[in-house]
Amino acid sequence: MLLLGSLVNGLAIIGGSLSGIILRNISEQTKDTVTKGISLGVIALAIQMSIQASSFILIIISICLGGMIGEFLKIEDGMTAVGLYLEKRFARGNSNFAEGFVTATLIYLIGSMGIIGAIESGVAGNHQTLFTKAVMDGFMSIMLTASLGIGVLFSAFPVFLYQGAITIFASFIVKYLPAELLDILMHEISAIGGLMILGIGLNIMKLTKIRVSNFLPSILVIIALLTVQYYFF
């Protein structure tokens, strides 16, 4: 089944979120401690990912150009609007719904693990990487739901659609890319993702308010730049 890995990942998030609902009544102090713990883990993951970059100049250019594109397209506002619509429709009185939806969606979507896992699923039918990610996302969704509410559960749908789209695309395209270029792309995508995840961690800590969603086009920018560099320089 081509989309098995993405399906399991989405179901793990839903299962973890339902478990997290049971823990919603824990004390605010415990929720704060758990949230800070998640943010520390996210920051550690971000640092580990970002140091894989081999060309920081291209990373900076991609972040800046991608951020400009994201601001122009108002990606953050769009994601927040979706979260607020779902809040009004499904979570009456839960002021954290939109924050939970957006934060969880970004955490689950950004990073090379989901991209590489989706590519493996599409090219070789190997779902092990996405299964591993599903376990990680499932446990994280428990804590995120306990601290941010049921909005986290709805992040399962964009995760499935995003990874599923990459899997389908990979099944047609990636087999034609040189292995060397693919390896370079994965490292730099991981570095870009690491910087965005760092922003998420700082936001969870409430140290900053970075519009992380608006940096998502940076991934497409770095792919374009590296592809041009590989073939023409």
C-alpha atoms as a PDB file:
ATOM      1  CA  MET A   1       0.000   0.000   0.000  1.00  0.00           C
ATOM      2  CA  LEU A   2       1.709   3.181  -1.225  1.00  0.00           C
ATOM      3  CA  LEU A   3       0.353   5.511   1.479  1.00  0.00           C
ATOM      4  CA  LEU A   4       0.553   3.092   4.416  1.00  0.00           C
ATOM      5  CA  GLY A   5       3.346   5.001   6.176  1.00  0.00           C
ATOM      6  CA  SER A   6       1.535   8.339   5.962  1.00  0.00           C
ATOM      7  CA  LEU A   7      -1.735   6.736   7.084  1.00  0.00           C
ATOM      8  CA  VAL A   8      -0.110   5.165  10.159  1.00  0.00           C
ATOM      9  CA  ASN A   9       1.543   8.498  10.986  1.00  0.00           C
ATOM     10  CA  GLY A  10      -1.804  10.302  10.856  1.00  0.00           C
ATOM     11  CA  LEU A  11      -3.554   7.655  12.955  1.00  0.00           C
ATOM     12  CA  ALA A  12      -0.760   7.819  15.556  1.00  0.00           C
ATOM     13  CA  ILE A  13      -1.321  11.559  15.916  1.00  0.00           C
ATOM     14  CA  ILE A  14      -5.073  11.052  16.300  1.00  0.00           C
ATOM     15  CA  GLY A  15      -4.553   8.268  18.859  1.00  0.00           C
ATOM     16  CA  GLY A  16      -2.042  10.325  20.811  1.00  0.00           C
ATOM     17  CA  SER A  17      -4.335  13.357  20.776  1.00  0.00           C
ATOM     18  CA  LEU A  18      -7.274  11.338  22.091  1.00  0.00           C
ATOM     19  CA  SER A  19      -5.028  10.089  24.894  1.00  0.00           C
ATOM     20  CA  GLY A  20      -3.926  13.646  25.572  1.00  0.00           C
ATOM     21  CA  ILE A  21      -7.549  14.753  26.008  1.00  0.00           C
ATOM     22  CA  ILE A  22      -7.743  12.467  29.032  1.00  0.00           C
ATOM     23  CA  LEU A  23      -4.788  14.302  30.565  1.00  0.00           C
ATOM     24  CA  ARG A  24      -6.221  17.787  30.010  1.00  0.00           C
ATOM     25  CA  ASN A  25      -7.150  18.156  33.685  1.00  0.00           C
ATOM     26  CA  ILE A  26      -3.603  17.953  34.963  1.00  0.00           C
ATOM     27  CA  SER A  27      -2.407  21.055  36.797  1.00  0.00           C
ATOM     28  CA  GLU A  28      -1.325  24.164  34.915  1.00  0.00           C
ATOM     29  CA  GLN A  29       2.100  23.859  36.494  1.00  0.00           C
ATOM     30  CA  THR A  30       2.473  20.334  35.117  1.00  0.00           C
ATOM     31  CA  LYS A  31       1.267  21.435  31.693  1.00  0.00           C
ATOM     32  CA  ASP A  32       3.795  24.277  31.721  1.00  0.00           C
ATOM     33  CA  THR A  33       6.601  21.908  32.685  1.00  0.00           C
ATOM     34  CA  VAL A  34       5.599  19.423  29.990  1.00  0.00           C
ATOM     35  CA  THR A  35       5.341  22.194  27.393  1.00  0.00           C
ATOM     36  CA  LYS A  36       8.778  23.516  28.304  1.00  0.00           C
ATOM     37  CA  GLY A  37      10.128  19.963  28.103  1.00  0.00           C
ATOM     38  CA  ILE A  38       8.700  19.560  24.598  1.00  0.00           C
ATOM     39  CA  SER A  39      10.214  22.881  23.554  1.00  0.00           C
ATOM     40  CA  LEU A  40      13.641  21.819  24.856  1.00  0.00           C
ATOM     41  CA  GLY A  41      13.410  18.601  22.859  1.00  0.00           C
ATOM     42  CA  VAL A  42      12.296  20.523  19.765  1.00  0.00           C
ATOM     43  CA  ILE A  43      15.205  22.964  20.141  1.00  0.00           C
ATOM     44  CA  ALA A  44      17.682  20.079  20.549  1.00  0.00           C
ATOM     45  CA  LEU A  45      16.292  18.420  17.408  1.00  0.00           C
ATOM     46  CA  ALA A  46      16.519  21.735  15.555  1.00  0.00           C
ATOM     47  CA  ILE A  47      20.179  22.192  16.431  1.00  0.00           C
ATOM     48  CA  GLN A  48      20.976  18.619  15.406  1.00  0.00           C
ATOM     49  CA  MET A  49      19.267  19.154  12.038  1.00  0.00           C
ATOM     50  CA  SER A  50      20.636  22.611  11.289  1.00  0.00           C
ATOM     51  CA  ILE A  51      24.318  21.693  11.755  1.00  0.00           C
ATOM     52  CA  GLN A  52      24.057  19.319   8.785  1.00  0.00           C
ATOM     53  CA  ALA A  53      24.196  22.258   6.368  1.00  0.00           C
ATOM     54  CA  SER A  54      27.195  22.346   4.049  1.00  0.00           C
ATOM     55  CA  SER A  55      26.385  25.709   2.447  1.00  0.00           C
ATOM     56  CA  PHE A  56      25.217  28.275   4.987  1.00  0.00           C
ATOM     57  CA  ILE A  57      25.202  31.014   2.350  1.00  0.00           C
ATOM     58  CA  LEU A  58      22.531  29.173   0.344  1.00  0.00           C
ATOM     59  CA  ILE A  59      20.654  28.420   3.571  1.00  0.00           C
ATOM     60  CA  ILE A  60      20.542  32.119   4.502  1.00  0.00           C
ATOM     61  CA  ILE A  61      19.522  33.130   0.968  1.00  0.00           C
ATOM     62  CA  SER A  62      16.781  30.480   0.963  1.00  0.00           C
ATOM     63  CA  ILE A  63      15.464  31.506   4.387  1.00  0.00           C
ATOM     64  CA  CYS A  64      15.331  35.171   3.376  1.00  0.00           C
ATOM     65  CA  LEU A  65      13.735  34.583  -0.040  1.00  0.00           C
ATOM     66  CA  GLY A  66      11.367  31.968   1.349  1.00  0.00           C
ATOM     67  CA  GLY A  67      10.349  34.295   4.168  1.00  0.00           C
ATOM     68  CA  MET A  68       9.598  37.068   1.680  1.00  0.00           C
ATOM     69  CA  ILE A  69       7.473  34.692  -0.390  1.00  0.00           C
ATOM     70  CA  GLY A  70       5.692  33.434   2.705  1.00  0.00           C
ATOM     71  CA  GLU A  71       4.933  36.966   3.905  1.00  0.00           C
ATOM     72  CA  PHE A  72       3.604  37.869   0.456  1.00  0.00           C
ATOM     73  CA  LEU A  73       1.385  34.765   0.390  1.00  0.00           C
ATOM     74  CA  LYS A  74       0.435  35.249   4.076  1.00  0.00           C
ATOM     75  CA  ILE A  75       0.895  31.554   4.792  1.00  0.00           C
ATOM     76  CA  GLU A  76       0.899  32.029   8.577  1.00  0.00           C
ATOM     77  CA  ASP A  77      -2.341  34.018   8.436  1.00  0.00           C
ATOM     78  CA  GLY A  78      -3.888  31.341   6.227  1.00  0.00           C
ATOM     79  CA  MET A  79      -2.962  28.506   8.569  1.00  0.00           C
ATOM     80  CA  THR A  80      -4.198  30.474  11.562  1.00  0.00           C
ATOM     81  CA  ALA A  81      -7.466  31.198   9.741  1.00  0.00           C
ATOM     82  CA  VAL A  82      -7.952  27.469   9.118  1.00  0.00           C
ATOM     83  CA  GLY A  83      -7.308  26.793  12.792  1.00  0.00           C
ATOM     84  CA  LEU A  84      -9.758  29.504  13.872  1.00  0.00           C
ATOM     85  CA  TYR A  85     -12.427  28.133  11.514  1.00  0.00           C
ATOM     86  CA  LEU A  86     -11.975  24.655  12.978  1.00  0.00           C
ATOM     87  CA  GLU A  87     -12.034  26.182  16.457  1.00  0.00           C
ATOM     88  CA  LYS A  88     -15.393  27.813  15.779  1.00  0.00           C
ATOM     89  CA  ARG A  89     -16.732  24.632  14.173  1.00  0.00           C
ATOM     90  CA  PHE A  90     -15.478  21.975  16.571  1.00  0.00           C
ATOM     91  CA  ALA A  91     -14.050  23.510  19.759  1.00  0.00           C
ATOM     92  CA  ARG A  92     -16.388  26.028  21.306  1.00  0.00           C
ATOM     93  CA  GLY A  93     -14.634  28.005  24.010  1.00  0.00           C
ATOM     94  CA  ASN A  94     -11.156  26.515  23.426  1.00  0.00           C
ATOM     95  CA  SER A  95      -8.966  29.576  22.832  1.00  0.00           C
ATOM     96  CA  ASN A  96      -5.856  27.434  22.274  1.00  0.00           C
ATOM     97  CA  PHE A  97      -7.358  25.484  19.371  1.00  0.00           C
ATOM     98  CA  ALA A  98      -5.751  27.478  16.557  1.00  0.00           C
ATOM     99  CA  GLU A  99      -2.388  27.591  18.320  1.00  0.00           C
ATOM    100  CA  GLY A 100      -2.487  23.833  18.878  1.00  0.00           C
ATOM    101  CA  PHE A 101      -3.408  23.128  15.265  1.00  0.00           C
ATOM    102  CA  VAL A 102      -0.737  25.399  13.778  1.00  0.00           C
ATOM    103  CA  THR A 103       2.022  24.446  16.233  1.00  0.00           C
ATOM    104  CA  ALA A 104       1.446  20.713  15.902  1.00  0.00           C
ATOM    105  CA  THR A 105       1.123  20.883  12.115  1.00  0.00           C
ATOM    106  CA  LEU A 106       4.451  22.675  11.803  1.00  0.00           C
ATOM    107  CA  ILE A 107       6.239  20.329  14.207  1.00  0.00           C
ATOM    108  CA  TYR A 108       4.986  17.239  12.358  1.00  0.00           C
ATOM    109  CA  LEU A 109       5.488  18.592   8.838  1.00  0.00           C
ATOM    110  CA  ILE A 110       8.885  20.270   9.022  1.00  0.00           C
ATOM    111  CA  GLY A 111      11.986  18.126   8.933  1.00  0.00           C
ATOM    112  CA  SER A 112      13.811  15.691   6.761  1.00  0.00           C
ATOM    113  CA  MET A 113      12.440  12.592   8.495  1.00  0.00           C
ATOM    114  CA  GLY A 114       8.975  13.018   7.012  1.00  0.00           C
ATOM    115  CA  ILE A 115      10.369  13.933   3.594  1.00  0.00           C
ATOM    116  CA  ILE A 116      12.886  11.092   3.477  1.00  0.00           C
ATOM    117  CA  GLY A 117      10.331   8.633   4.849  1.00  0.00           C
ATOM    118  CA  ALA A 118       7.767   9.695   2.261  1.00  0.00           C
ATOM    119  CA  ILE A 119      10.361   9.346  -0.502  1.00  0.00           C
ATOM    120  CA  GLU A 120      11.303   5.864   0.732  1.00  0.00           C
ATOM    121  CA  SER A 121       7.629   4.902   0.710  1.00  0.00           C
ATOM    122  CA  GLY A 122       7.178   6.189  -2.829  1.00  0.00           C
ATOM    123  CA  VAL A 123      10.361   4.799  -4.339  1.00  0.00           C
ATOM    124  CA  ALA A 124      10.958   1.521  -2.523  1.00  0.00           C
ATOM    125  CA  GLY A 125       7.736   0.822  -0.620  1.00  0.00           C
ATOM    126  CA  ASN A 126       9.755   1.005   2.616  1.00  0.00           C
ATOM    127  CA  HIS A 127       7.646   2.554   5.376  1.00  0.00           C
ATOM    128  CA  GLN A 128       9.998   2.021   8.338  1.00  0.00           C
ATOM    129  CA  THR A 129      11.082   5.661   8.603  1.00  0.00           C
ATOM    130  CA  LEU A 130       7.493   6.890   8.648  1.00  0.00           C
ATOM    131  CA  PHE A 131       6.572   4.183  11.179  1.00  0.00           C
ATOM    132  CA  THR A 132       9.350   5.468  13.438  1.00  0.00           C
ATOM    133  CA  LYS A 133       8.141   9.039  12.949  1.00  0.00           C
ATOM    134  CA  ALA A 134       4.609   7.889  13.776  1.00  0.00           C
ATOM    135  CA  VAL A 135       5.762   6.623  17.179  1.00  0.00           C
ATOM    136  CA  MET A 136       7.538   9.917  17.906  1.00  0.00           C
ATOM    137  CA  ASP A 137       4.594  12.036  16.717  1.00  0.00           C
ATOM    138  CA  GLY A 138       2.128   9.919  18.670  1.00  0.00           C
ATOM    139  CA  PHE A 139       3.892  10.496  21.985  1.00  0.00           C
ATOM    140  CA  MET A 140       4.400  14.183  21.224  1.00  0.00           C
ATOM    141  CA  SER A 141       0.713  14.603  20.364  1.00  0.00           C
ATOM    142  CA  ILE A 142      -0.208  13.337  23.836  1.00  0.00           C
ATOM    143  CA  MET A 143       1.767  16.121  25.477  1.00  0.00           C
ATOM    144  CA  LEU A 144       0.799  18.786  22.956  1.00  0.00           C
ATOM    145  CA  THR A 145      -2.916  17.993  23.320  1.00  0.00           C
ATOM    146  CA  ALA A 146      -2.663  18.035  27.109  1.00  0.00           C
ATOM    147  CA  SER A 147      -1.115  21.504  26.993  1.00  0.00           C
ATOM    148  CA  LEU A 148      -2.620  23.096  23.847  1.00  0.00           C
ATOM    149  CA  GLY A 149      -5.937  21.291  23.397  1.00  0.00           C
ATOM    150  CA  ILE A 150      -7.792  19.306  20.763  1.00  0.00           C
ATOM    151  CA  GLY A 151      -6.570  21.441  17.869  1.00  0.00           C
ATOM    152  CA  VAL A 152      -3.546  19.128  17.800  1.00  0.00           C
ATOM    153  CA  LEU A 153      -5.745  16.234  16.617  1.00  0.00           C
ATOM    154  CA  PHE A 154      -6.667  18.025  13.383  1.00  0.00           C
ATOM    155  CA  SER A 155      -2.994  18.331  12.438  1.00  0.00           C
ATOM    156  CA  ALA A 156      -3.177  14.644  11.453  1.00  0.00           C
ATOM    157  CA  PHE A 157      -4.966  15.565   8.230  1.00  0.00           C
ATOM    158  CA  PRO A 158      -2.403  17.985   6.744  1.00  0.00           C
ATOM    159  CA  VAL A 159       0.327  15.544   7.818  1.00  0.00           C
ATOM    160  CA  PHE A 160      -1.326  12.730   5.868  1.00  0.00           C
ATOM    161  CA  LEU A 161      -1.963  14.932   2.832  1.00  0.00           C
ATOM    162  CA  TYR A 162       1.550  16.431   2.845  1.00  0.00           C
ATOM    163  CA  GLN A 163       3.460  13.189   3.263  1.00  0.00           C
ATOM    164  CA  GLY A 164       1.076  11.346   0.980  1.00  0.00           C
ATOM    165  CA  ALA A 165       1.590  13.938  -1.754  1.00  0.00           C
ATOM    166  CA  ILE A 166       5.368  13.615  -1.445  1.00  0.00           C
ATOM    167  CA  THR A 167       5.090   9.818  -1.590  1.00  0.00           C
ATOM    168  CA  ILE A 168       3.022   9.919  -4.773  1.00  0.00           C
ATOM    169  CA  PHE A 169       5.282  12.556  -6.327  1.00  0.00           C
ATOM    170  CA  ALA A 170       8.390  10.600  -5.332  1.00  0.00           C
ATOM    171  CA  SER A 171       7.078   7.431  -6.933  1.00  0.00           C
ATOM    172  CA  PHE A 172       7.154   9.232 -10.289  1.00  0.00           C
ATOM    173  CA  ILE A 173      10.026  11.732 -10.010  1.00  0.00           C
ATOM    174  CA  VAL A 174      12.728  10.802  -7.517  1.00  0.00           C
ATOM    175  CA  LYS A 175      13.813   7.663  -9.349  1.00  0.00           C
ATOM    176  CA  TYR A 176      15.113   9.922 -12.132  1.00  0.00           C
ATOM    177  CA  LEU A 177      17.269  12.133  -9.869  1.00  0.00           C
ATOM    178  CA  PRO A 178      20.993  11.418  -9.452  1.00  0.00           C
ATOM    179  CA  ALA A 179      21.747   9.862  -6.061  1.00  0.00           C
ATOM    180  CA  GLU A 180      24.369  12.534  -5.351  1.00  0.00           C
ATOM    181  CA  LEU A 181      21.892  15.379  -5.887  1.00  0.00           C
ATOM    182  CA  LEU A 182      19.266  13.650  -3.741  1.00  0.00           C
ATOM    183  CA  ASP A 183      21.771  13.280  -0.892  1.00  0.00           C
ATOM    184  CA  ILE A 184      22.690  16.977  -1.092  1.00  0.00           C
ATOM    185  CA  LEU A 185      19.033  18.004  -1.135  1.00  0.00           C
ATOM    186  CA  MET A 186      18.203  15.955   1.949  1.00  0.00           C
ATOM    187  CA  HIS A 187      21.034  17.496   3.986  1.00  0.00           C
ATOM    188  CA  GLU A 188      20.150  21.069   3.108  1.00  0.00           C
ATOM    189  CA  ILE A 189      16.399  20.519   3.496  1.00  0.00           C
ATOM    190  CA  SER A 190      17.161  19.122   6.947  1.00  0.00           C
ATOM    191  CA  ALA A 191      19.167  22.250   7.792  1.00  0.00           C
ATOM    192  CA  ILE A 192      16.356  24.566   6.621  1.00  0.00           C
ATOM    193  CA  GLY A 193      13.856  22.515   8.592  1.00  0.00           C
ATOM    194  CA  GLY A 194      16.105  22.689  11.646  1.00  0.00           C
ATOM    195  CA  LEU A 195      16.090  26.481  11.613  1.00  0.00           C
ATOM    196  CA  MET A 196      12.303  26.547  11.334  1.00  0.00           C
ATOM    197  CA  ILE A 197      11.921  24.003  14.125  1.00  0.00           C
ATOM    198  CA  LEU A 198      14.203  26.184  16.271  1.00  0.00           C
ATOM    199  CA  GLY A 199      11.728  29.015  15.724  1.00  0.00           C
ATOM    200  CA  ILE A 200       8.912  26.717  16.817  1.00  0.00           C
ATOM    201  CA  GLY A 201      10.788  25.762  19.987  1.00  0.00           C
ATOM    202  CA  LEU A 202      11.377  29.409  20.869  1.00  0.00           C
ATOM    203  CA  ASN A 203       7.694  30.160  20.227  1.00  0.00           C
ATOM    204  CA  ILE A 204       6.591  27.320  22.499  1.00  0.00           C
ATOM    205  CA  MET A 205       8.882  28.753  25.185  1.00  0.00           C
ATOM    206  CA  LYS A 206       7.106  32.094  24.535  1.00  0.00           C
ATOM    207  CA  LEU A 207      10.503  33.749  24.142  1.00  0.00           C
ATOM    208  CA  THR A 208       9.602  34.995  20.646  1.00  0.00           C
ATOM    209  CA  LYS A 209       6.699  35.150  18.216  1.00  0.00           C
ATOM    210  CA  ILE A 210       8.262  34.075  14.926  1.00  0.00           C
ATOM    211  CA  ARG A 211       5.861  33.545  11.996  1.00  0.00           C
ATOM    212  CA  VAL A 212       7.463  30.204  11.205  1.00  0.00           C
ATOM    213  CA  SER A 213       4.844  29.167   8.635  1.00  0.00           C
ATOM    214  CA  ASN A 214       5.971  31.973   6.356  1.00  0.00           C
ATOM    215  CA  PHE A 215       9.386  30.329   6.020  1.00  0.00           C
ATOM    216  CA  LEU A 216       7.962  27.151   4.457  1.00  0.00           C
ATOM    217  CA  PRO A 217       8.688  28.319   0.858  1.00  0.00           C
ATOM    218  CA  SER A 218      12.372  28.253   1.852  1.00  0.00           C
ATOM    219  CA  ILE A 219      12.331  24.506   1.254  1.00  0.00           C
ATOM    220  CA  LEU A 220      11.311  25.000  -2.376  1.00  0.00           C
ATOM    221  CA  VAL A 221      13.868  27.792  -2.774  1.00  0.00           C
ATOM    222  CA  ILE A 222      16.764  25.649  -1.512  1.00  0.00           C
ATOM    223  CA  ILE A 223      15.711  22.779  -3.799  1.00  0.00           C
ATOM    224  CA  ALA A 224      15.723  25.121  -6.791  1.00  0.00           C
ATOM    225  CA  LEU A 225      19.081  26.695  -5.895  1.00  0.00           C
ATOM    226  CA  LEU A 226      20.808  23.369  -5.271  1.00  0.00           C
ATOM    227  CA  THR A 227      19.439  21.854  -8.464  1.00  0.00           C
ATOM    228  CA  VAL A 228      20.729  24.807 -10.509  1.00  0.00           C
ATOM    229  CA  GLN A 229      24.078  24.617  -8.730  1.00  0.00           C
ATOM    230  CA  TYR A 230      24.382  20.870  -9.341  1.00  0.00           C
ATOM    231  CA  TYR A 231      23.671  21.005 -13.067  1.00  0.00           C
ATOM    232  CA  PHE A 232      25.261  24.333 -14.050  1.00  0.00           C
ATOM    233  CA  PHE A 233      28.130  25.062 -11.633  1.00  0.00           C
END
